[in-house]
Structure formats: structure tokens, C-alpha cells
Amino acid sequence: MKVWKRVKIKNDNKKINIVANALTNYIFKYGPITSIINKYKIDSNDINELNSYTSNRIAGLLLLYIAHDKKRINDIVNKYNRENISNIIPEIEGYIDK
């Protein structure tokens, strides 16, 4: 069984936490998560816990990406690649300067 260790970034100039929080908010904003929160009247503490968990996971993936740790990224992809999501359509929001 593989054991994953928590890591902390040595160079804080990367601002992983800012990017992870922004990505979490981007992923959850105006999507089905908002509808689920409203439908089931999910407590704000639970929402914060979910956001924190998601941000931590995203930060971990970002650290692996920055470290060029393709082996661990590949392990994660192999472990969590499930057939239950189909028709993935990339969606990107951004600002365009003209």
C-alpha cells in the first residue's frame, strides 16, 4: 500500500495557496455545487470544510506539477480514473484584453 506524505512548499513565492483557492472557487462557482448547497441547505461550516479539502488537493496536484513529478501524478490518474464521468467538455473562463 502506498503512503502519501503531506508536503510543504519550500519557496513561498510560488503562491500555491492563492492559486488553489482561486481554482476551487472557479470550479464551484455558479455550478451544480451551488444548486446542491441551496437545495440541501448545507451549513457554511460544511461548505468551508469542503472548500478547504478541495483546495488542499488542488495545491497538492500543483506542487506535483511544479516538481515535474510525473510518476505520482500518473499514480493518481490511474487510481482515480473512473468510467462514471462521460462526455468531458473542457470549459475555460478568462479575461481577454482587446
PDB file of N, CA and C in Angstrom:
ATOM      1  N   MET A   1       0.839  -1.183   0.000  1.00  0.00           N
ATOM      2  CA  MET A   1       0.000   0.000   0.000  1.00  0.00           C
ATOM      3  C   MET A   1       0.884   1.247   0.000  1.00  0.00           C
ATOM      4  N   LYS A   2       0.544   2.176  -0.866  1.00  0.00           N
ATOM      5  CA  LYS A   2       1.318   3.405  -0.938  1.00  0.00           C
ATOM      6  C   LYS A   2       0.859   4.359   0.155  1.00  0.00           C
ATOM      7  N   VAL A   3       1.802   5.057   0.717  1.00  0.00           N
ATOM      8  CA  VAL A   3       1.502   6.058   1.730  1.00  0.00           C
ATOM      9  C   VAL A   3       1.958   7.403   1.198  1.00  0.00           C
ATOM     10  N   TRP A   4       1.038   8.349   1.132  1.00  0.00           N
ATOM     11  CA  TRP A   4       1.366   9.684   0.653  1.00  0.00           C
ATOM     12  C   TRP A   4       1.671  10.564   1.839  1.00  0.00           C
ATOM     13  N   LYS A   5       2.705  11.331   1.723  1.00  0.00           N
ATOM     14  CA  LYS A   5       3.101  12.239   2.798  1.00  0.00           C
ATOM     15  C   LYS A   5       2.635  13.653   2.458  1.00  0.00           C
ATOM     16  N   ARG A   6       2.297  14.404   3.487  1.00  0.00           N
ATOM     17  CA  ARG A   6       1.985  15.817   3.282  1.00  0.00           C
ATOM     18  C   ARG A   6       3.292  16.556   3.067  1.00  0.00           C
ATOM     19  N   VAL A   7       3.270  17.457   2.137  1.00  0.00           N
ATOM     20  CA  VAL A   7       4.476  18.228   1.857  1.00  0.00           C
ATOM     21  C   VAL A   7       4.159  19.707   1.995  1.00  0.00           C
ATOM     22  N   LYS A   8       5.167  20.470   2.314  1.00  0.00           N
ATOM     23  CA  LYS A   8       5.027  21.918   2.369  1.00  0.00           C
ATOM     24  C   LYS A   8       5.997  22.511   1.366  1.00  0.00           C
ATOM     25  N   ILE A   9       5.540  23.518   0.677  1.00  0.00           N
ATOM     26  CA  ILE A   9       6.393  24.129  -0.328  1.00  0.00           C
ATOM     27  C   ILE A   9       7.493  24.923   0.359  1.00  0.00           C
ATOM     28  N   LYS A  10       8.706  24.769  -0.120  1.00  0.00           N
ATOM     29  CA  LYS A  10       9.843  25.458   0.493  1.00  0.00           C
ATOM     30  C   LYS A  10       9.926  26.906   0.038  1.00  0.00           C
ATOM     31  N   ASN A  11       9.576  27.161  -1.205  1.00  0.00           N
ATOM     32  CA  ASN A  11       9.666  28.508  -1.750  1.00  0.00           C
ATOM     33  C   ASN A  11       8.266  29.111  -1.794  1.00  0.00           C
ATOM     34  N   ASP A  12       7.944  29.976  -0.836  1.00  0.00           N
ATOM     35  CA  ASP A  12       6.601  30.535  -0.732  1.00  0.00           C
ATOM     36  C   ASP A  12       6.283  31.520  -1.848  1.00  0.00           C
ATOM     37  N   ASN A  13       7.240  31.851  -2.685  1.00  0.00           N
ATOM     38  CA  ASN A  13       6.983  32.765  -3.791  1.00  0.00           C
ATOM     39  C   ASN A  13       6.065  32.151  -4.845  1.00  0.00           C
ATOM     40  N   LYS A  14       5.858  30.850  -4.791  1.00  0.00           N
ATOM     41  CA  LYS A  14       5.007  30.182  -5.769  1.00  0.00           C
ATOM     42  C   LYS A  14       3.536  30.529  -5.573  1.00  0.00           C
ATOM     43  N   LYS A  15       3.154  30.891  -4.370  1.00  0.00           N
ATOM     44  CA  LYS A  15       1.773  31.276  -4.062  1.00  0.00           C
ATOM     45  C   LYS A  15       0.778  30.181  -4.440  1.00  0.00           C
ATOM     46  N   ILE A  16       1.124  28.948  -4.121  1.00  0.00           N
ATOM     47  CA  ILE A  16       0.269  27.809  -4.414  1.00  0.00           C
ATOM     48  C   ILE A  16      -1.098  27.970  -3.753  1.00  0.00           C
ATOM     49  N   ASN A  17      -1.107  28.489  -2.521  1.00  0.00           N
ATOM     50  CA  ASN A  17      -2.370  28.610  -1.807  1.00  0.00           C
ATOM     51  C   ASN A  17      -3.340  29.548  -2.520  1.00  0.00           C
ATOM     52  N   ILE A  18      -2.839  30.637  -3.083  1.00  0.00           N
ATOM     53  CA  ILE A  18      -3.704  31.569  -3.802  1.00  0.00           C
ATOM     54  C   ILE A  18      -4.299  30.902  -5.035  1.00  0.00           C
ATOM     55  N   VAL A  19      -3.462  30.204  -5.775  1.00  0.00           N
ATOM     56  CA  VAL A  19      -3.921  29.543  -6.998  1.00  0.00           C
ATOM     57  C   VAL A  19      -4.919  28.432  -6.647  1.00  0.00           C
ATOM     58  N   ALA A  20      -4.630  27.645  -5.621  1.00  0.00           N
ATOM     59  CA  ALA A  20      -5.520  26.553  -5.224  1.00  0.00           C
ATOM     60  C   ALA A  20      -6.878  27.092  -4.785  1.00  0.00           C
ATOM     61  N   ASN A  21      -6.887  28.157  -3.991  1.00  0.00           N
ATOM     62  CA  ASN A  21      -8.156  28.749  -3.565  1.00  0.00           C
ATOM     63  C   ASN A  21      -8.925  29.310  -4.752  1.00  0.00           C
ATOM     64  N   ALA A  22      -8.222  29.981  -5.656  1.00  0.00           N
ATOM     65  CA  ALA A  22      -8.880  30.543  -6.833  1.00  0.00           C
ATOM     66  C   ALA A  22      -9.480  29.441  -7.699  1.00  0.00           C
ATOM     67  N   LEU A  23      -8.730  28.356  -7.891  1.00  0.00           N
ATOM     68  CA  LEU A  23      -9.251  27.246  -8.693  1.00  0.00           C
ATOM     69  C   LEU A  23     -10.452  26.590  -8.030  1.00  0.00           C
ATOM     70  N   THR A  24     -10.416  26.445  -6.719  1.00  0.00           N
ATOM     71  CA  THR A  24     -11.553  25.866  -6.005  1.00  0.00           C
ATOM     72  C   THR A  24     -12.793  26.729  -6.198  1.00  0.00           C
ATOM     73  N   ASN A  25     -12.644  28.030  -6.016  1.00  0.00           N
ATOM     74  CA  ASN A  25     -13.787  28.924  -6.211  1.00  0.00           C
ATOM     75  C   ASN A  25     -14.261  28.924  -7.657  1.00  0.00           C
ATOM     76  N   TYR A  26     -13.325  28.841  -8.587  1.00  0.00           N
ATOM     77  CA  TYR A  26     -13.668  28.792 -10.010  1.00  0.00           C
ATOM     78  C   TYR A  26     -14.468  27.523 -10.322  1.00  0.00           C
ATOM     79  N   ILE A  27     -14.033  26.401  -9.779  1.00  0.00           N
ATOM     80  CA  ILE A  27     -14.698  25.124 -10.037  1.00  0.00           C
ATOM     81  C   ILE A  27     -16.110  25.105  -9.453  1.00  0.00           C
ATOM     82  N   PHE A  28     -16.269  25.643  -8.251  1.00  0.00           N
ATOM     83  CA  PHE A  28     -17.557  25.557  -7.562  1.00  0.00           C
ATOM     84  C   PHE A  28     -18.522  26.687  -7.905  1.00  0.00           C
ATOM     85  N   LYS A  29     -18.062  27.800  -8.419  1.00  0.00           N
ATOM     86  CA  LYS A  29     -18.904  28.984  -8.608  1.00  0.00           C
ATOM     87  C   LYS A  29     -19.935  28.757  -9.706  1.00  0.00           C
ATOM     88  N   TYR A  30     -21.173  29.051  -9.400  1.00  0.00           N
ATOM     89  CA  TYR A  30     -22.297  29.031 -10.346  1.00  0.00           C
ATOM     90  C   TYR A  30     -22.545  27.671 -10.983  1.00  0.00           C
ATOM     91  N   GLY A  31     -22.047  26.619 -10.424  1.00  0.00           N
ATOM     92  CA  GLY A  31     -22.256  25.299 -10.998  1.00  0.00           C
ATOM     93  C   GLY A  31     -23.236  24.492 -10.173  1.00  0.00           C
ATOM     94  N   PRO A  32     -23.251  23.208 -10.399  1.00  0.00           N
ATOM     95  CA  PRO A  32     -24.163  22.333  -9.659  1.00  0.00           C
ATOM     96  C   PRO A  32     -23.907  22.337  -8.161  1.00  0.00           C
ATOM     97  N   ILE A  33     -22.676  22.615  -7.750  1.00  0.00           N
ATOM     98  CA  ILE A  33     -22.380  22.654  -6.311  1.00  0.00           C
ATOM     99  C   ILE A  33     -23.227  23.720  -5.629  1.00  0.00           C
ATOM    100  N   THR A  34     -23.358  24.888  -6.249  1.00  0.00           N
ATOM    101  CA  THR A  34     -24.172  25.964  -5.685  1.00  0.00           C
ATOM    102  C   THR A  34     -25.628  25.513  -5.556  1.00  0.00           C
ATOM    103  N   SER A  35     -26.138  24.838  -6.567  1.00  0.00           N
ATOM    104  CA  SER A  35     -27.518  24.338  -6.526  1.00  0.00           C
ATOM    105  C   SER A  35     -27.700  23.308  -5.422  1.00  0.00           C
ATOM    106  N   ILE A  36     -26.721  22.423  -5.263  1.00  0.00           N
ATOM    107  CA  ILE A  36     -26.789  21.395  -4.214  1.00  0.00           C
ATOM    108  C   ILE A  36     -26.754  22.035  -2.835  1.00  0.00           C
ATOM    109  N   ILE A  37     -25.890  23.038  -2.663  1.00  0.00           N
ATOM    110  CA  ILE A  37     -25.795  23.742  -1.380  1.00  0.00           C
ATOM    111  C   ILE A  37     -27.132  24.384  -1.030  1.00  0.00           C
ATOM    112  N   ASN A  38     -27.750  25.039  -2.004  1.00  0.00           N
ATOM    113  CA  ASN A  38     -29.035  25.682  -1.758  1.00  0.00           C
ATOM    114  C   ASN A  38     -30.156  24.668  -1.543  1.00  0.00           C
ATOM    115  N   LYS A  39     -30.172  23.604  -2.335  1.00  0.00           N
ATOM    116  CA  LYS A  39     -31.233  22.600  -2.250  1.00  0.00           C
ATOM    117  C   LYS A  39     -31.242  21.902  -0.898  1.00  0.00           C
ATOM    118  N   TYR A  40     -30.066  21.539  -0.407  1.00  0.00           N
ATOM    119  CA  TYR A  40     -29.985  20.777   0.840  1.00  0.00           C
ATOM    120  C   TYR A  40     -29.633  21.634   2.049  1.00  0.00           C
ATOM    121  N   LYS A  41     -29.592  22.952   1.838  1.00  0.00           N
ATOM    122  CA  LYS A  41     -29.327  23.893   2.935  1.00  0.00           C
ATOM    123  C   LYS A  41     -28.083  23.484   3.734  1.00  0.00           C
ATOM    124  N   ILE A  42     -26.981  23.307   3.009  1.00  0.00           N
ATOM    125  CA  ILE A  42     -25.723  22.870   3.614  1.00  0.00           C
ATOM    126  C   ILE A  42     -25.140  24.006   4.444  1.00  0.00           C
ATOM    127  N   ASP A  43     -24.717  23.675   5.642  1.00  0.00           N
ATOM    128  CA  ASP A  43     -24.176  24.630   6.607  1.00  0.00           C
ATOM    129  C   ASP A  43     -22.893  25.266   6.084  1.00  0.00           C
ATOM    130  N   SER A  44     -22.673  26.541   6.431  1.00  0.00           N
ATOM    131  CA  SER A  44     -21.479  27.241   5.962  1.00  0.00           C
ATOM    132  C   SER A  44     -20.190  26.591   6.466  1.00  0.00           C
ATOM    133  N   ASN A  45     -20.213  25.978   7.659  1.00  0.00           N
ATOM    134  CA  ASN A  45     -19.026  25.271   8.157  1.00  0.00           C
ATOM    135  C   ASN A  45     -18.692  24.073   7.270  1.00  0.00           C
ATOM    136  N   ASP A  46     -19.728  23.372   6.816  1.00  0.00           N
ATOM    137  CA  ASP A  46     -19.508  22.234   5.921  1.00  0.00           C
ATOM    138  C   ASP A  46     -18.991  22.697   4.559  1.00  0.00           C
ATOM    139  N   ILE A  47     -19.492  23.834   4.093  1.00  0.00           N
ATOM    140  CA  ILE A  47     -19.024  24.395   2.827  1.00  0.00           C
ATOM    141  C   ILE A  47     -17.548  24.771   2.947  1.00  0.00           C
ATOM    142  N   ASN A  48     -17.185  25.397   4.062  1.00  0.00           N
ATOM    143  CA  ASN A  48     -15.779  25.759   4.281  1.00  0.00           C
ATOM    144  C   ASN A  48     -14.891  24.522   4.340  1.00  0.00           C
ATOM    145  N   GLU A  49     -15.379  23.466   4.980  1.00  0.00           N
ATOM    146  CA  GLU A  49     -14.607  22.219   5.060  1.00  0.00           C
ATOM    147  C   GLU A  49     -14.424  21.605   3.674  1.00  0.00           C
ATOM    148  N   LEU A  50     -15.477  21.612   2.875  1.00  0.00           N
ATOM    149  CA  LEU A  50     -15.387  21.094   1.510  1.00  0.00           C
ATOM    150  C   LEU A  50     -14.420  21.921   0.672  1.00  0.00           C
ATOM    151  N   ASN A  51     -14.504  23.256   0.784  1.00  0.00           N
ATOM    152  CA  ASN A  51     -13.597  24.129   0.049  1.00  0.00           C
ATOM    153  C   ASN A  51     -12.145  23.922   0.469  1.00  0.00           C
ATOM    154  N   SER A  52     -11.925  23.774   1.776  1.00  0.00           N
ATOM    155  CA  SER A  52     -10.577  23.552   2.292  1.00  0.00           C
ATOM    156  C   SER A  52     -10.006  22.234   1.778  1.00  0.00           C
ATOM    157  N   TYR A  53     -10.813  21.184   1.839  1.00  0.00           N
ATOM    158  CA  TYR A  53     -10.385  19.865   1.355  1.00  0.00           C
ATOM    159  C   TYR A  53     -10.016  19.941  -0.130  1.00  0.00           C
ATOM    160  N   THR A  54     -10.872  20.586  -0.917  1.00  0.00           N
ATOM    161  CA  THR A  54     -10.630  20.692  -2.350  1.00  0.00           C
ATOM    162  C   THR A  54      -9.380  21.521  -2.635  1.00  0.00           C
ATOM    163  N   SER A  55      -9.227  22.645  -1.927  1.00  0.00           N
ATOM    164  CA  SER A  55      -8.041  23.487  -2.116  1.00  0.00           C
ATOM    165  C   SER A  55      -6.768  22.737  -1.768  1.00  0.00           C
ATOM    166  N   ASN A  56      -6.797  21.957  -0.700  1.00  0.00           N
ATOM    167  CA  ASN A  56      -5.621  21.169  -0.317  1.00  0.00           C
ATOM    168  C   ASN A  56      -5.254  20.158  -1.398  1.00  0.00           C
ATOM    169  N   ARG A  57      -6.256  19.507  -1.977  1.00  0.00           N
ATOM    170  CA  ARG A  57      -6.000  18.535  -3.034  1.00  0.00           C
ATOM    171  C   ARG A  57      -5.436  19.210  -4.282  1.00  0.00           C
ATOM    172  N   ILE A  58      -6.028  20.347  -4.650  1.00  0.00           N
ATOM    173  CA  ILE A  58      -5.539  21.078  -5.820  1.00  0.00           C
ATOM    174  C   ILE A  58      -4.109  21.554  -5.579  1.00  0.00           C
ATOM    175  N   ALA A  59      -3.833  22.060  -4.380  1.00  0.00           N
ATOM    176  CA  ALA A  59      -2.474  22.510  -4.050  1.00  0.00           C
ATOM    177  C   ALA A  59      -1.487  21.353  -4.171  1.00  0.00           C
ATOM    178  N   GLY A  60      -1.880  20.177  -3.730  1.00  0.00           N
ATOM    179  CA  GLY A  60      -1.015  19.005  -3.861  1.00  0.00           C
ATOM    180  C   GLY A  60      -0.715  18.680  -5.311  1.00  0.00           C
ATOM    181  N   LEU A  61      -1.744  18.742  -6.164  1.00  0.00           N
ATOM    182  CA  LEU A  61      -1.526  18.494  -7.588  1.00  0.00           C
ATOM    183  C   LEU A  61      -0.632  19.552  -8.207  1.00  0.00           C
ATOM    184  N   LEU A  62      -0.823  20.804  -7.803  1.00  0.00           N
ATOM    185  CA  LEU A  62       0.030  21.879  -8.318  1.00  0.00           C
ATOM    186  C   LEU A  62       1.485  21.678  -7.910  1.00  0.00           C
ATOM    187  N   LEU A  63       1.700  21.262  -6.669  1.00  0.00           N
ATOM    188  CA  LEU A  63       3.069  21.001  -6.219  1.00  0.00           C
ATOM    189  C   LEU A  63       3.714  19.877  -7.024  1.00  0.00           C
ATOM    190  N   LEU A  64       2.958  18.821  -7.288  1.00  0.00           N
ATOM    191  CA  LEU A  64       3.489  17.729  -8.102  1.00  0.00           C
ATOM    192  C   LEU A  64       3.803  18.210  -9.520  1.00  0.00           C
ATOM    193  N   TYR A  65       2.937  19.052 -10.052  1.00  0.00           N
ATOM    194  CA  TYR A  65       3.154  19.580 -11.396  1.00  0.00           C
ATOM    195  C   TYR A  65       4.411  20.448 -11.448  1.00  0.00           C
ATOM    196  N   ILE A  66       4.559  21.328 -10.472  1.00  0.00           N
ATOM    197  CA  ILE A  66       5.741  22.205 -10.423  1.00  0.00           C
ATOM    198  C   ILE A  66       7.017  21.382 -10.256  1.00  0.00           C
ATOM    199  N   ALA A  67       6.928  20.291  -9.471  1.00  0.00           N
ATOM    200  CA  ALA A  67       8.091  19.440  -9.227  1.00  0.00           C
ATOM    201  C   ALA A  67       8.353  18.478 -10.388  1.00  0.00           C
ATOM    202  N   HIS A  68       7.503  18.514 -11.409  1.00  0.00           N
ATOM    203  CA  HIS A  68       7.620  17.598 -12.551  1.00  0.00           C
ATOM    204  C   HIS A  68       7.596  16.141 -12.092  1.00  0.00           C
ATOM    205  N   ASP A  69       6.786  15.866 -11.065  1.00  0.00           N
ATOM    206  CA  ASP A  69       6.691  14.510 -10.521  1.00  0.00           C
ATOM    207  C   ASP A  69       5.614  13.731 -11.290  1.00  0.00           C
ATOM    208  N   LYS A  70       5.978  13.336 -12.496  1.00  0.00           N
ATOM    209  CA  LYS A  70       5.035  12.649 -13.370  1.00  0.00           C
ATOM    210  C   LYS A  70       4.619  11.293 -12.829  1.00  0.00           C
ATOM    211  N   LYS A  71       5.490  10.645 -12.097  1.00  0.00           N
ATOM    212  CA  LYS A  71       5.165   9.329 -11.552  1.00  0.00           C
ATOM    213  C   LYS A  71       4.010   9.409 -10.565  1.00  0.00           C
ATOM    214  N   ARG A  72       4.067  10.357  -9.635  1.00  0.00           N
ATOM    215  CA  ARG A  72       2.981  10.465  -8.643  1.00  0.00           C
ATOM    216  C   ARG A  72       1.693  10.974  -9.282  1.00  0.00           C
ATOM    217  N   ILE A  73       1.810  11.877 -10.259  1.00  0.00           N
ATOM    218  CA  ILE A  73       0.611  12.322 -10.974  1.00  0.00           C
ATOM    219  C   ILE A  73      -0.010  11.145 -11.711  1.00  0.00           C
ATOM    220  N   ASN A  74       0.823  10.351 -12.350  1.00  0.00           N
ATOM    221  CA  ASN A  74       0.342   9.165 -13.060  1.00  0.00           C
ATOM    222  C   ASN A  74      -0.323   8.178 -12.103  1.00  0.00           C
ATOM    223  N   ASP A  75       0.251   7.983 -10.916  1.00  0.00           N
ATOM    224  CA  ASP A  75      -0.355   7.103  -9.912  1.00  0.00           C
ATOM    225  C   ASP A  75      -1.757   7.584  -9.535  1.00  0.00           C
ATOM    226  N   ILE A  76      -1.908   8.893  -9.363  1.00  0.00           N
ATOM    227  CA  ILE A  76      -3.212   9.461  -9.004  1.00  0.00           C
ATOM    228  C   ILE A  76      -4.209   9.263 -10.139  1.00  0.00           C
ATOM    229  N   VAL A  77      -3.765   9.526 -11.364  1.00  0.00           N
ATOM    230  CA  VAL A  77      -4.653   9.351 -12.513  1.00  0.00           C
ATOM    231  C   VAL A  77      -5.089   7.897 -12.629  1.00  0.00           C
ATOM    232  N   ASN A  78      -4.160   6.975 -12.484  1.00  0.00           N
ATOM    233  CA  ASN A  78      -4.507   5.557 -12.577  1.00  0.00           C
ATOM    234  C   ASN A  78      -5.460   5.125 -11.467  1.00  0.00           C
ATOM    235  N   LYS A  79      -5.267   5.649 -10.266  1.00  0.00           N
ATOM    236  CA  LYS A  79      -6.120   5.265  -9.143  1.00  0.00           C
ATOM    237  C   LYS A  79      -7.534   5.818  -9.275  1.00  0.00           C
ATOM    238  N   TYR A  80      -7.654   7.065  -9.737  1.00  0.00           N
ATOM    239  CA  TYR A  80      -8.957   7.726  -9.728  1.00  0.00           C
ATOM    240  C   TYR A  80      -9.619   7.833 -11.094  1.00  0.00           C
ATOM    241  N   ASN A  81      -9.054   7.229 -12.115  1.00  0.00           N
ATOM    242  CA  ASN A  81      -9.682   7.248 -13.433  1.00  0.00           C
ATOM    243  C   ASN A  81     -10.863   6.287 -13.421  1.00  0.00           C
ATOM    244  N   ARG A  82     -12.051   6.852 -13.311  1.00  0.00           N
ATOM    245  CA  ARG A  82     -13.274   6.047 -13.253  1.00  0.00           C
ATOM    246  C   ARG A  82     -14.111   6.322 -14.497  1.00  0.00           C
ATOM    247  N   GLU A  83     -14.892   5.370 -14.860  1.00  0.00           N
ATOM    248  CA  GLU A  83     -15.724   5.473 -16.055  1.00  0.00           C
ATOM    249  C   GLU A  83     -17.044   6.195 -15.789  1.00  0.00           C
ATOM    250  N   ASN A  84     -17.260   6.718 -14.573  1.00  0.00           N
ATOM    251  CA  ASN A  84     -18.565   7.283 -14.233  1.00  0.00           C
ATOM    252  C   ASN A  84     -18.763   8.712 -14.738  1.00  0.00           C
ATOM    253  N   ILE A  85     -17.775   9.305 -15.376  1.00  0.00           N
ATOM    254  CA  ILE A  85     -17.919  10.637 -15.947  1.00  0.00           C
ATOM    255  C   ILE A  85     -17.681  10.510 -17.439  1.00  0.00           C
ATOM    256  N   SER A  86     -18.668  10.929 -18.213  1.00  0.00           N
ATOM    257  CA  SER A  86     -18.510  10.823 -19.666  1.00  0.00           C
ATOM    258  C   SER A  86     -18.736  12.187 -20.303  1.00  0.00           C
ATOM    259  N   ASN A  87     -18.403  12.274 -21.563  1.00  0.00           N
ATOM    260  CA  ASN A  87     -18.601  13.495 -22.336  1.00  0.00           C
ATOM    261  C   ASN A  87     -17.968  14.708 -21.672  1.00  0.00           C
ATOM    262  N   ILE A  88     -16.692  14.627 -21.362  1.00  0.00           N
ATOM    263  CA  ILE A  88     -15.982  15.743 -20.752  1.00  0.00           C
ATOM    264  C   ILE A  88     -15.723  16.800 -21.817  1.00  0.00           C
ATOM    265  N   ILE A  89     -16.212  18.002 -21.536  1.00  0.00           N
ATOM    266  CA  ILE A  89     -16.033  19.118 -22.462  1.00  0.00           C
ATOM    267  C   ILE A  89     -15.233  20.190 -21.730  1.00  0.00           C
ATOM    268  N   PRO A  90     -14.007  20.472 -22.161  1.00  0.00           N
ATOM    269  CA  PRO A  90     -13.202  21.494 -21.485  1.00  0.00           C
ATOM    270  C   PRO A  90     -13.928  22.839 -21.455  1.00  0.00           C
ATOM    271  N   GLU A  91     -13.898  23.460 -20.299  1.00  0.00           N
ATOM    272  CA  GLU A  91     -14.551  24.756 -20.117  1.00  0.00           C
ATOM    273  C   GLU A  91     -13.545  25.692 -19.464  1.00  0.00           C
ATOM    274  N   ILE A  92     -13.329  26.826 -20.090  1.00  0.00           N
ATOM    275  CA  ILE A  92     -12.348  27.783 -19.574  1.00  0.00           C
ATOM    276  C   ILE A  92     -12.981  29.168 -19.556  1.00  0.00           C
ATOM    277  N   GLU A  93     -12.871  29.811 -18.421  1.00  0.00           N
ATOM    278  CA  GLU A  93     -13.318  31.199 -18.279  1.00  0.00           C
ATOM    279  C   GLU A  93     -12.086  32.061 -18.139  1.00  0.00           C
ATOM    280  N   GLY A  94     -12.119  33.217 -18.724  1.00  0.00           N
ATOM    281  CA  GLY A  94     -10.953  34.080 -18.595  1.00  0.00           C
ATOM    282  C   GLY A  94     -11.230  35.469 -19.103  1.00  0.00           C
ATOM    283  N   TYR A  95     -10.260  36.314 -18.953  1.00  0.00           N
ATOM    284  CA  TYR A  95     -10.369  37.694 -19.389  1.00  0.00           C
ATOM    285  C   TYR A  95      -9.579  37.863 -20.667  1.00  0.00           C
ATOM    286  N   ILE A  96     -10.155  38.545 -21.609  1.00  0.00           N
ATOM    287  CA  ILE A  96      -9.491  38.784 -22.886  1.00  0.00           C
ATOM    288  C   ILE A  96      -9.342  40.294 -23.050  1.00  0.00           C
ATOM    289  N   ASP A  97      -8.107  40.750 -23.176  1.00  0.00           N
ATOM    290  CA  ASP A  97      -7.862  42.169 -23.437  1.00  0.00           C
ATOM    291  C   ASP A  97      -7.831  42.401 -24.938  1.00  0.00           C
ATOM    292  N   LYS A  98      -8.592  43.391 -25.372  1.00  0.00           N
ATOM    293  CA  LYS A  98      -8.595  43.698 -26.809  1.00  0.00           C
ATOM    294  C   LYS A  98      -7.841  44.959 -27.065  1.00  0.00           C
TER     295      LYS A  98
END
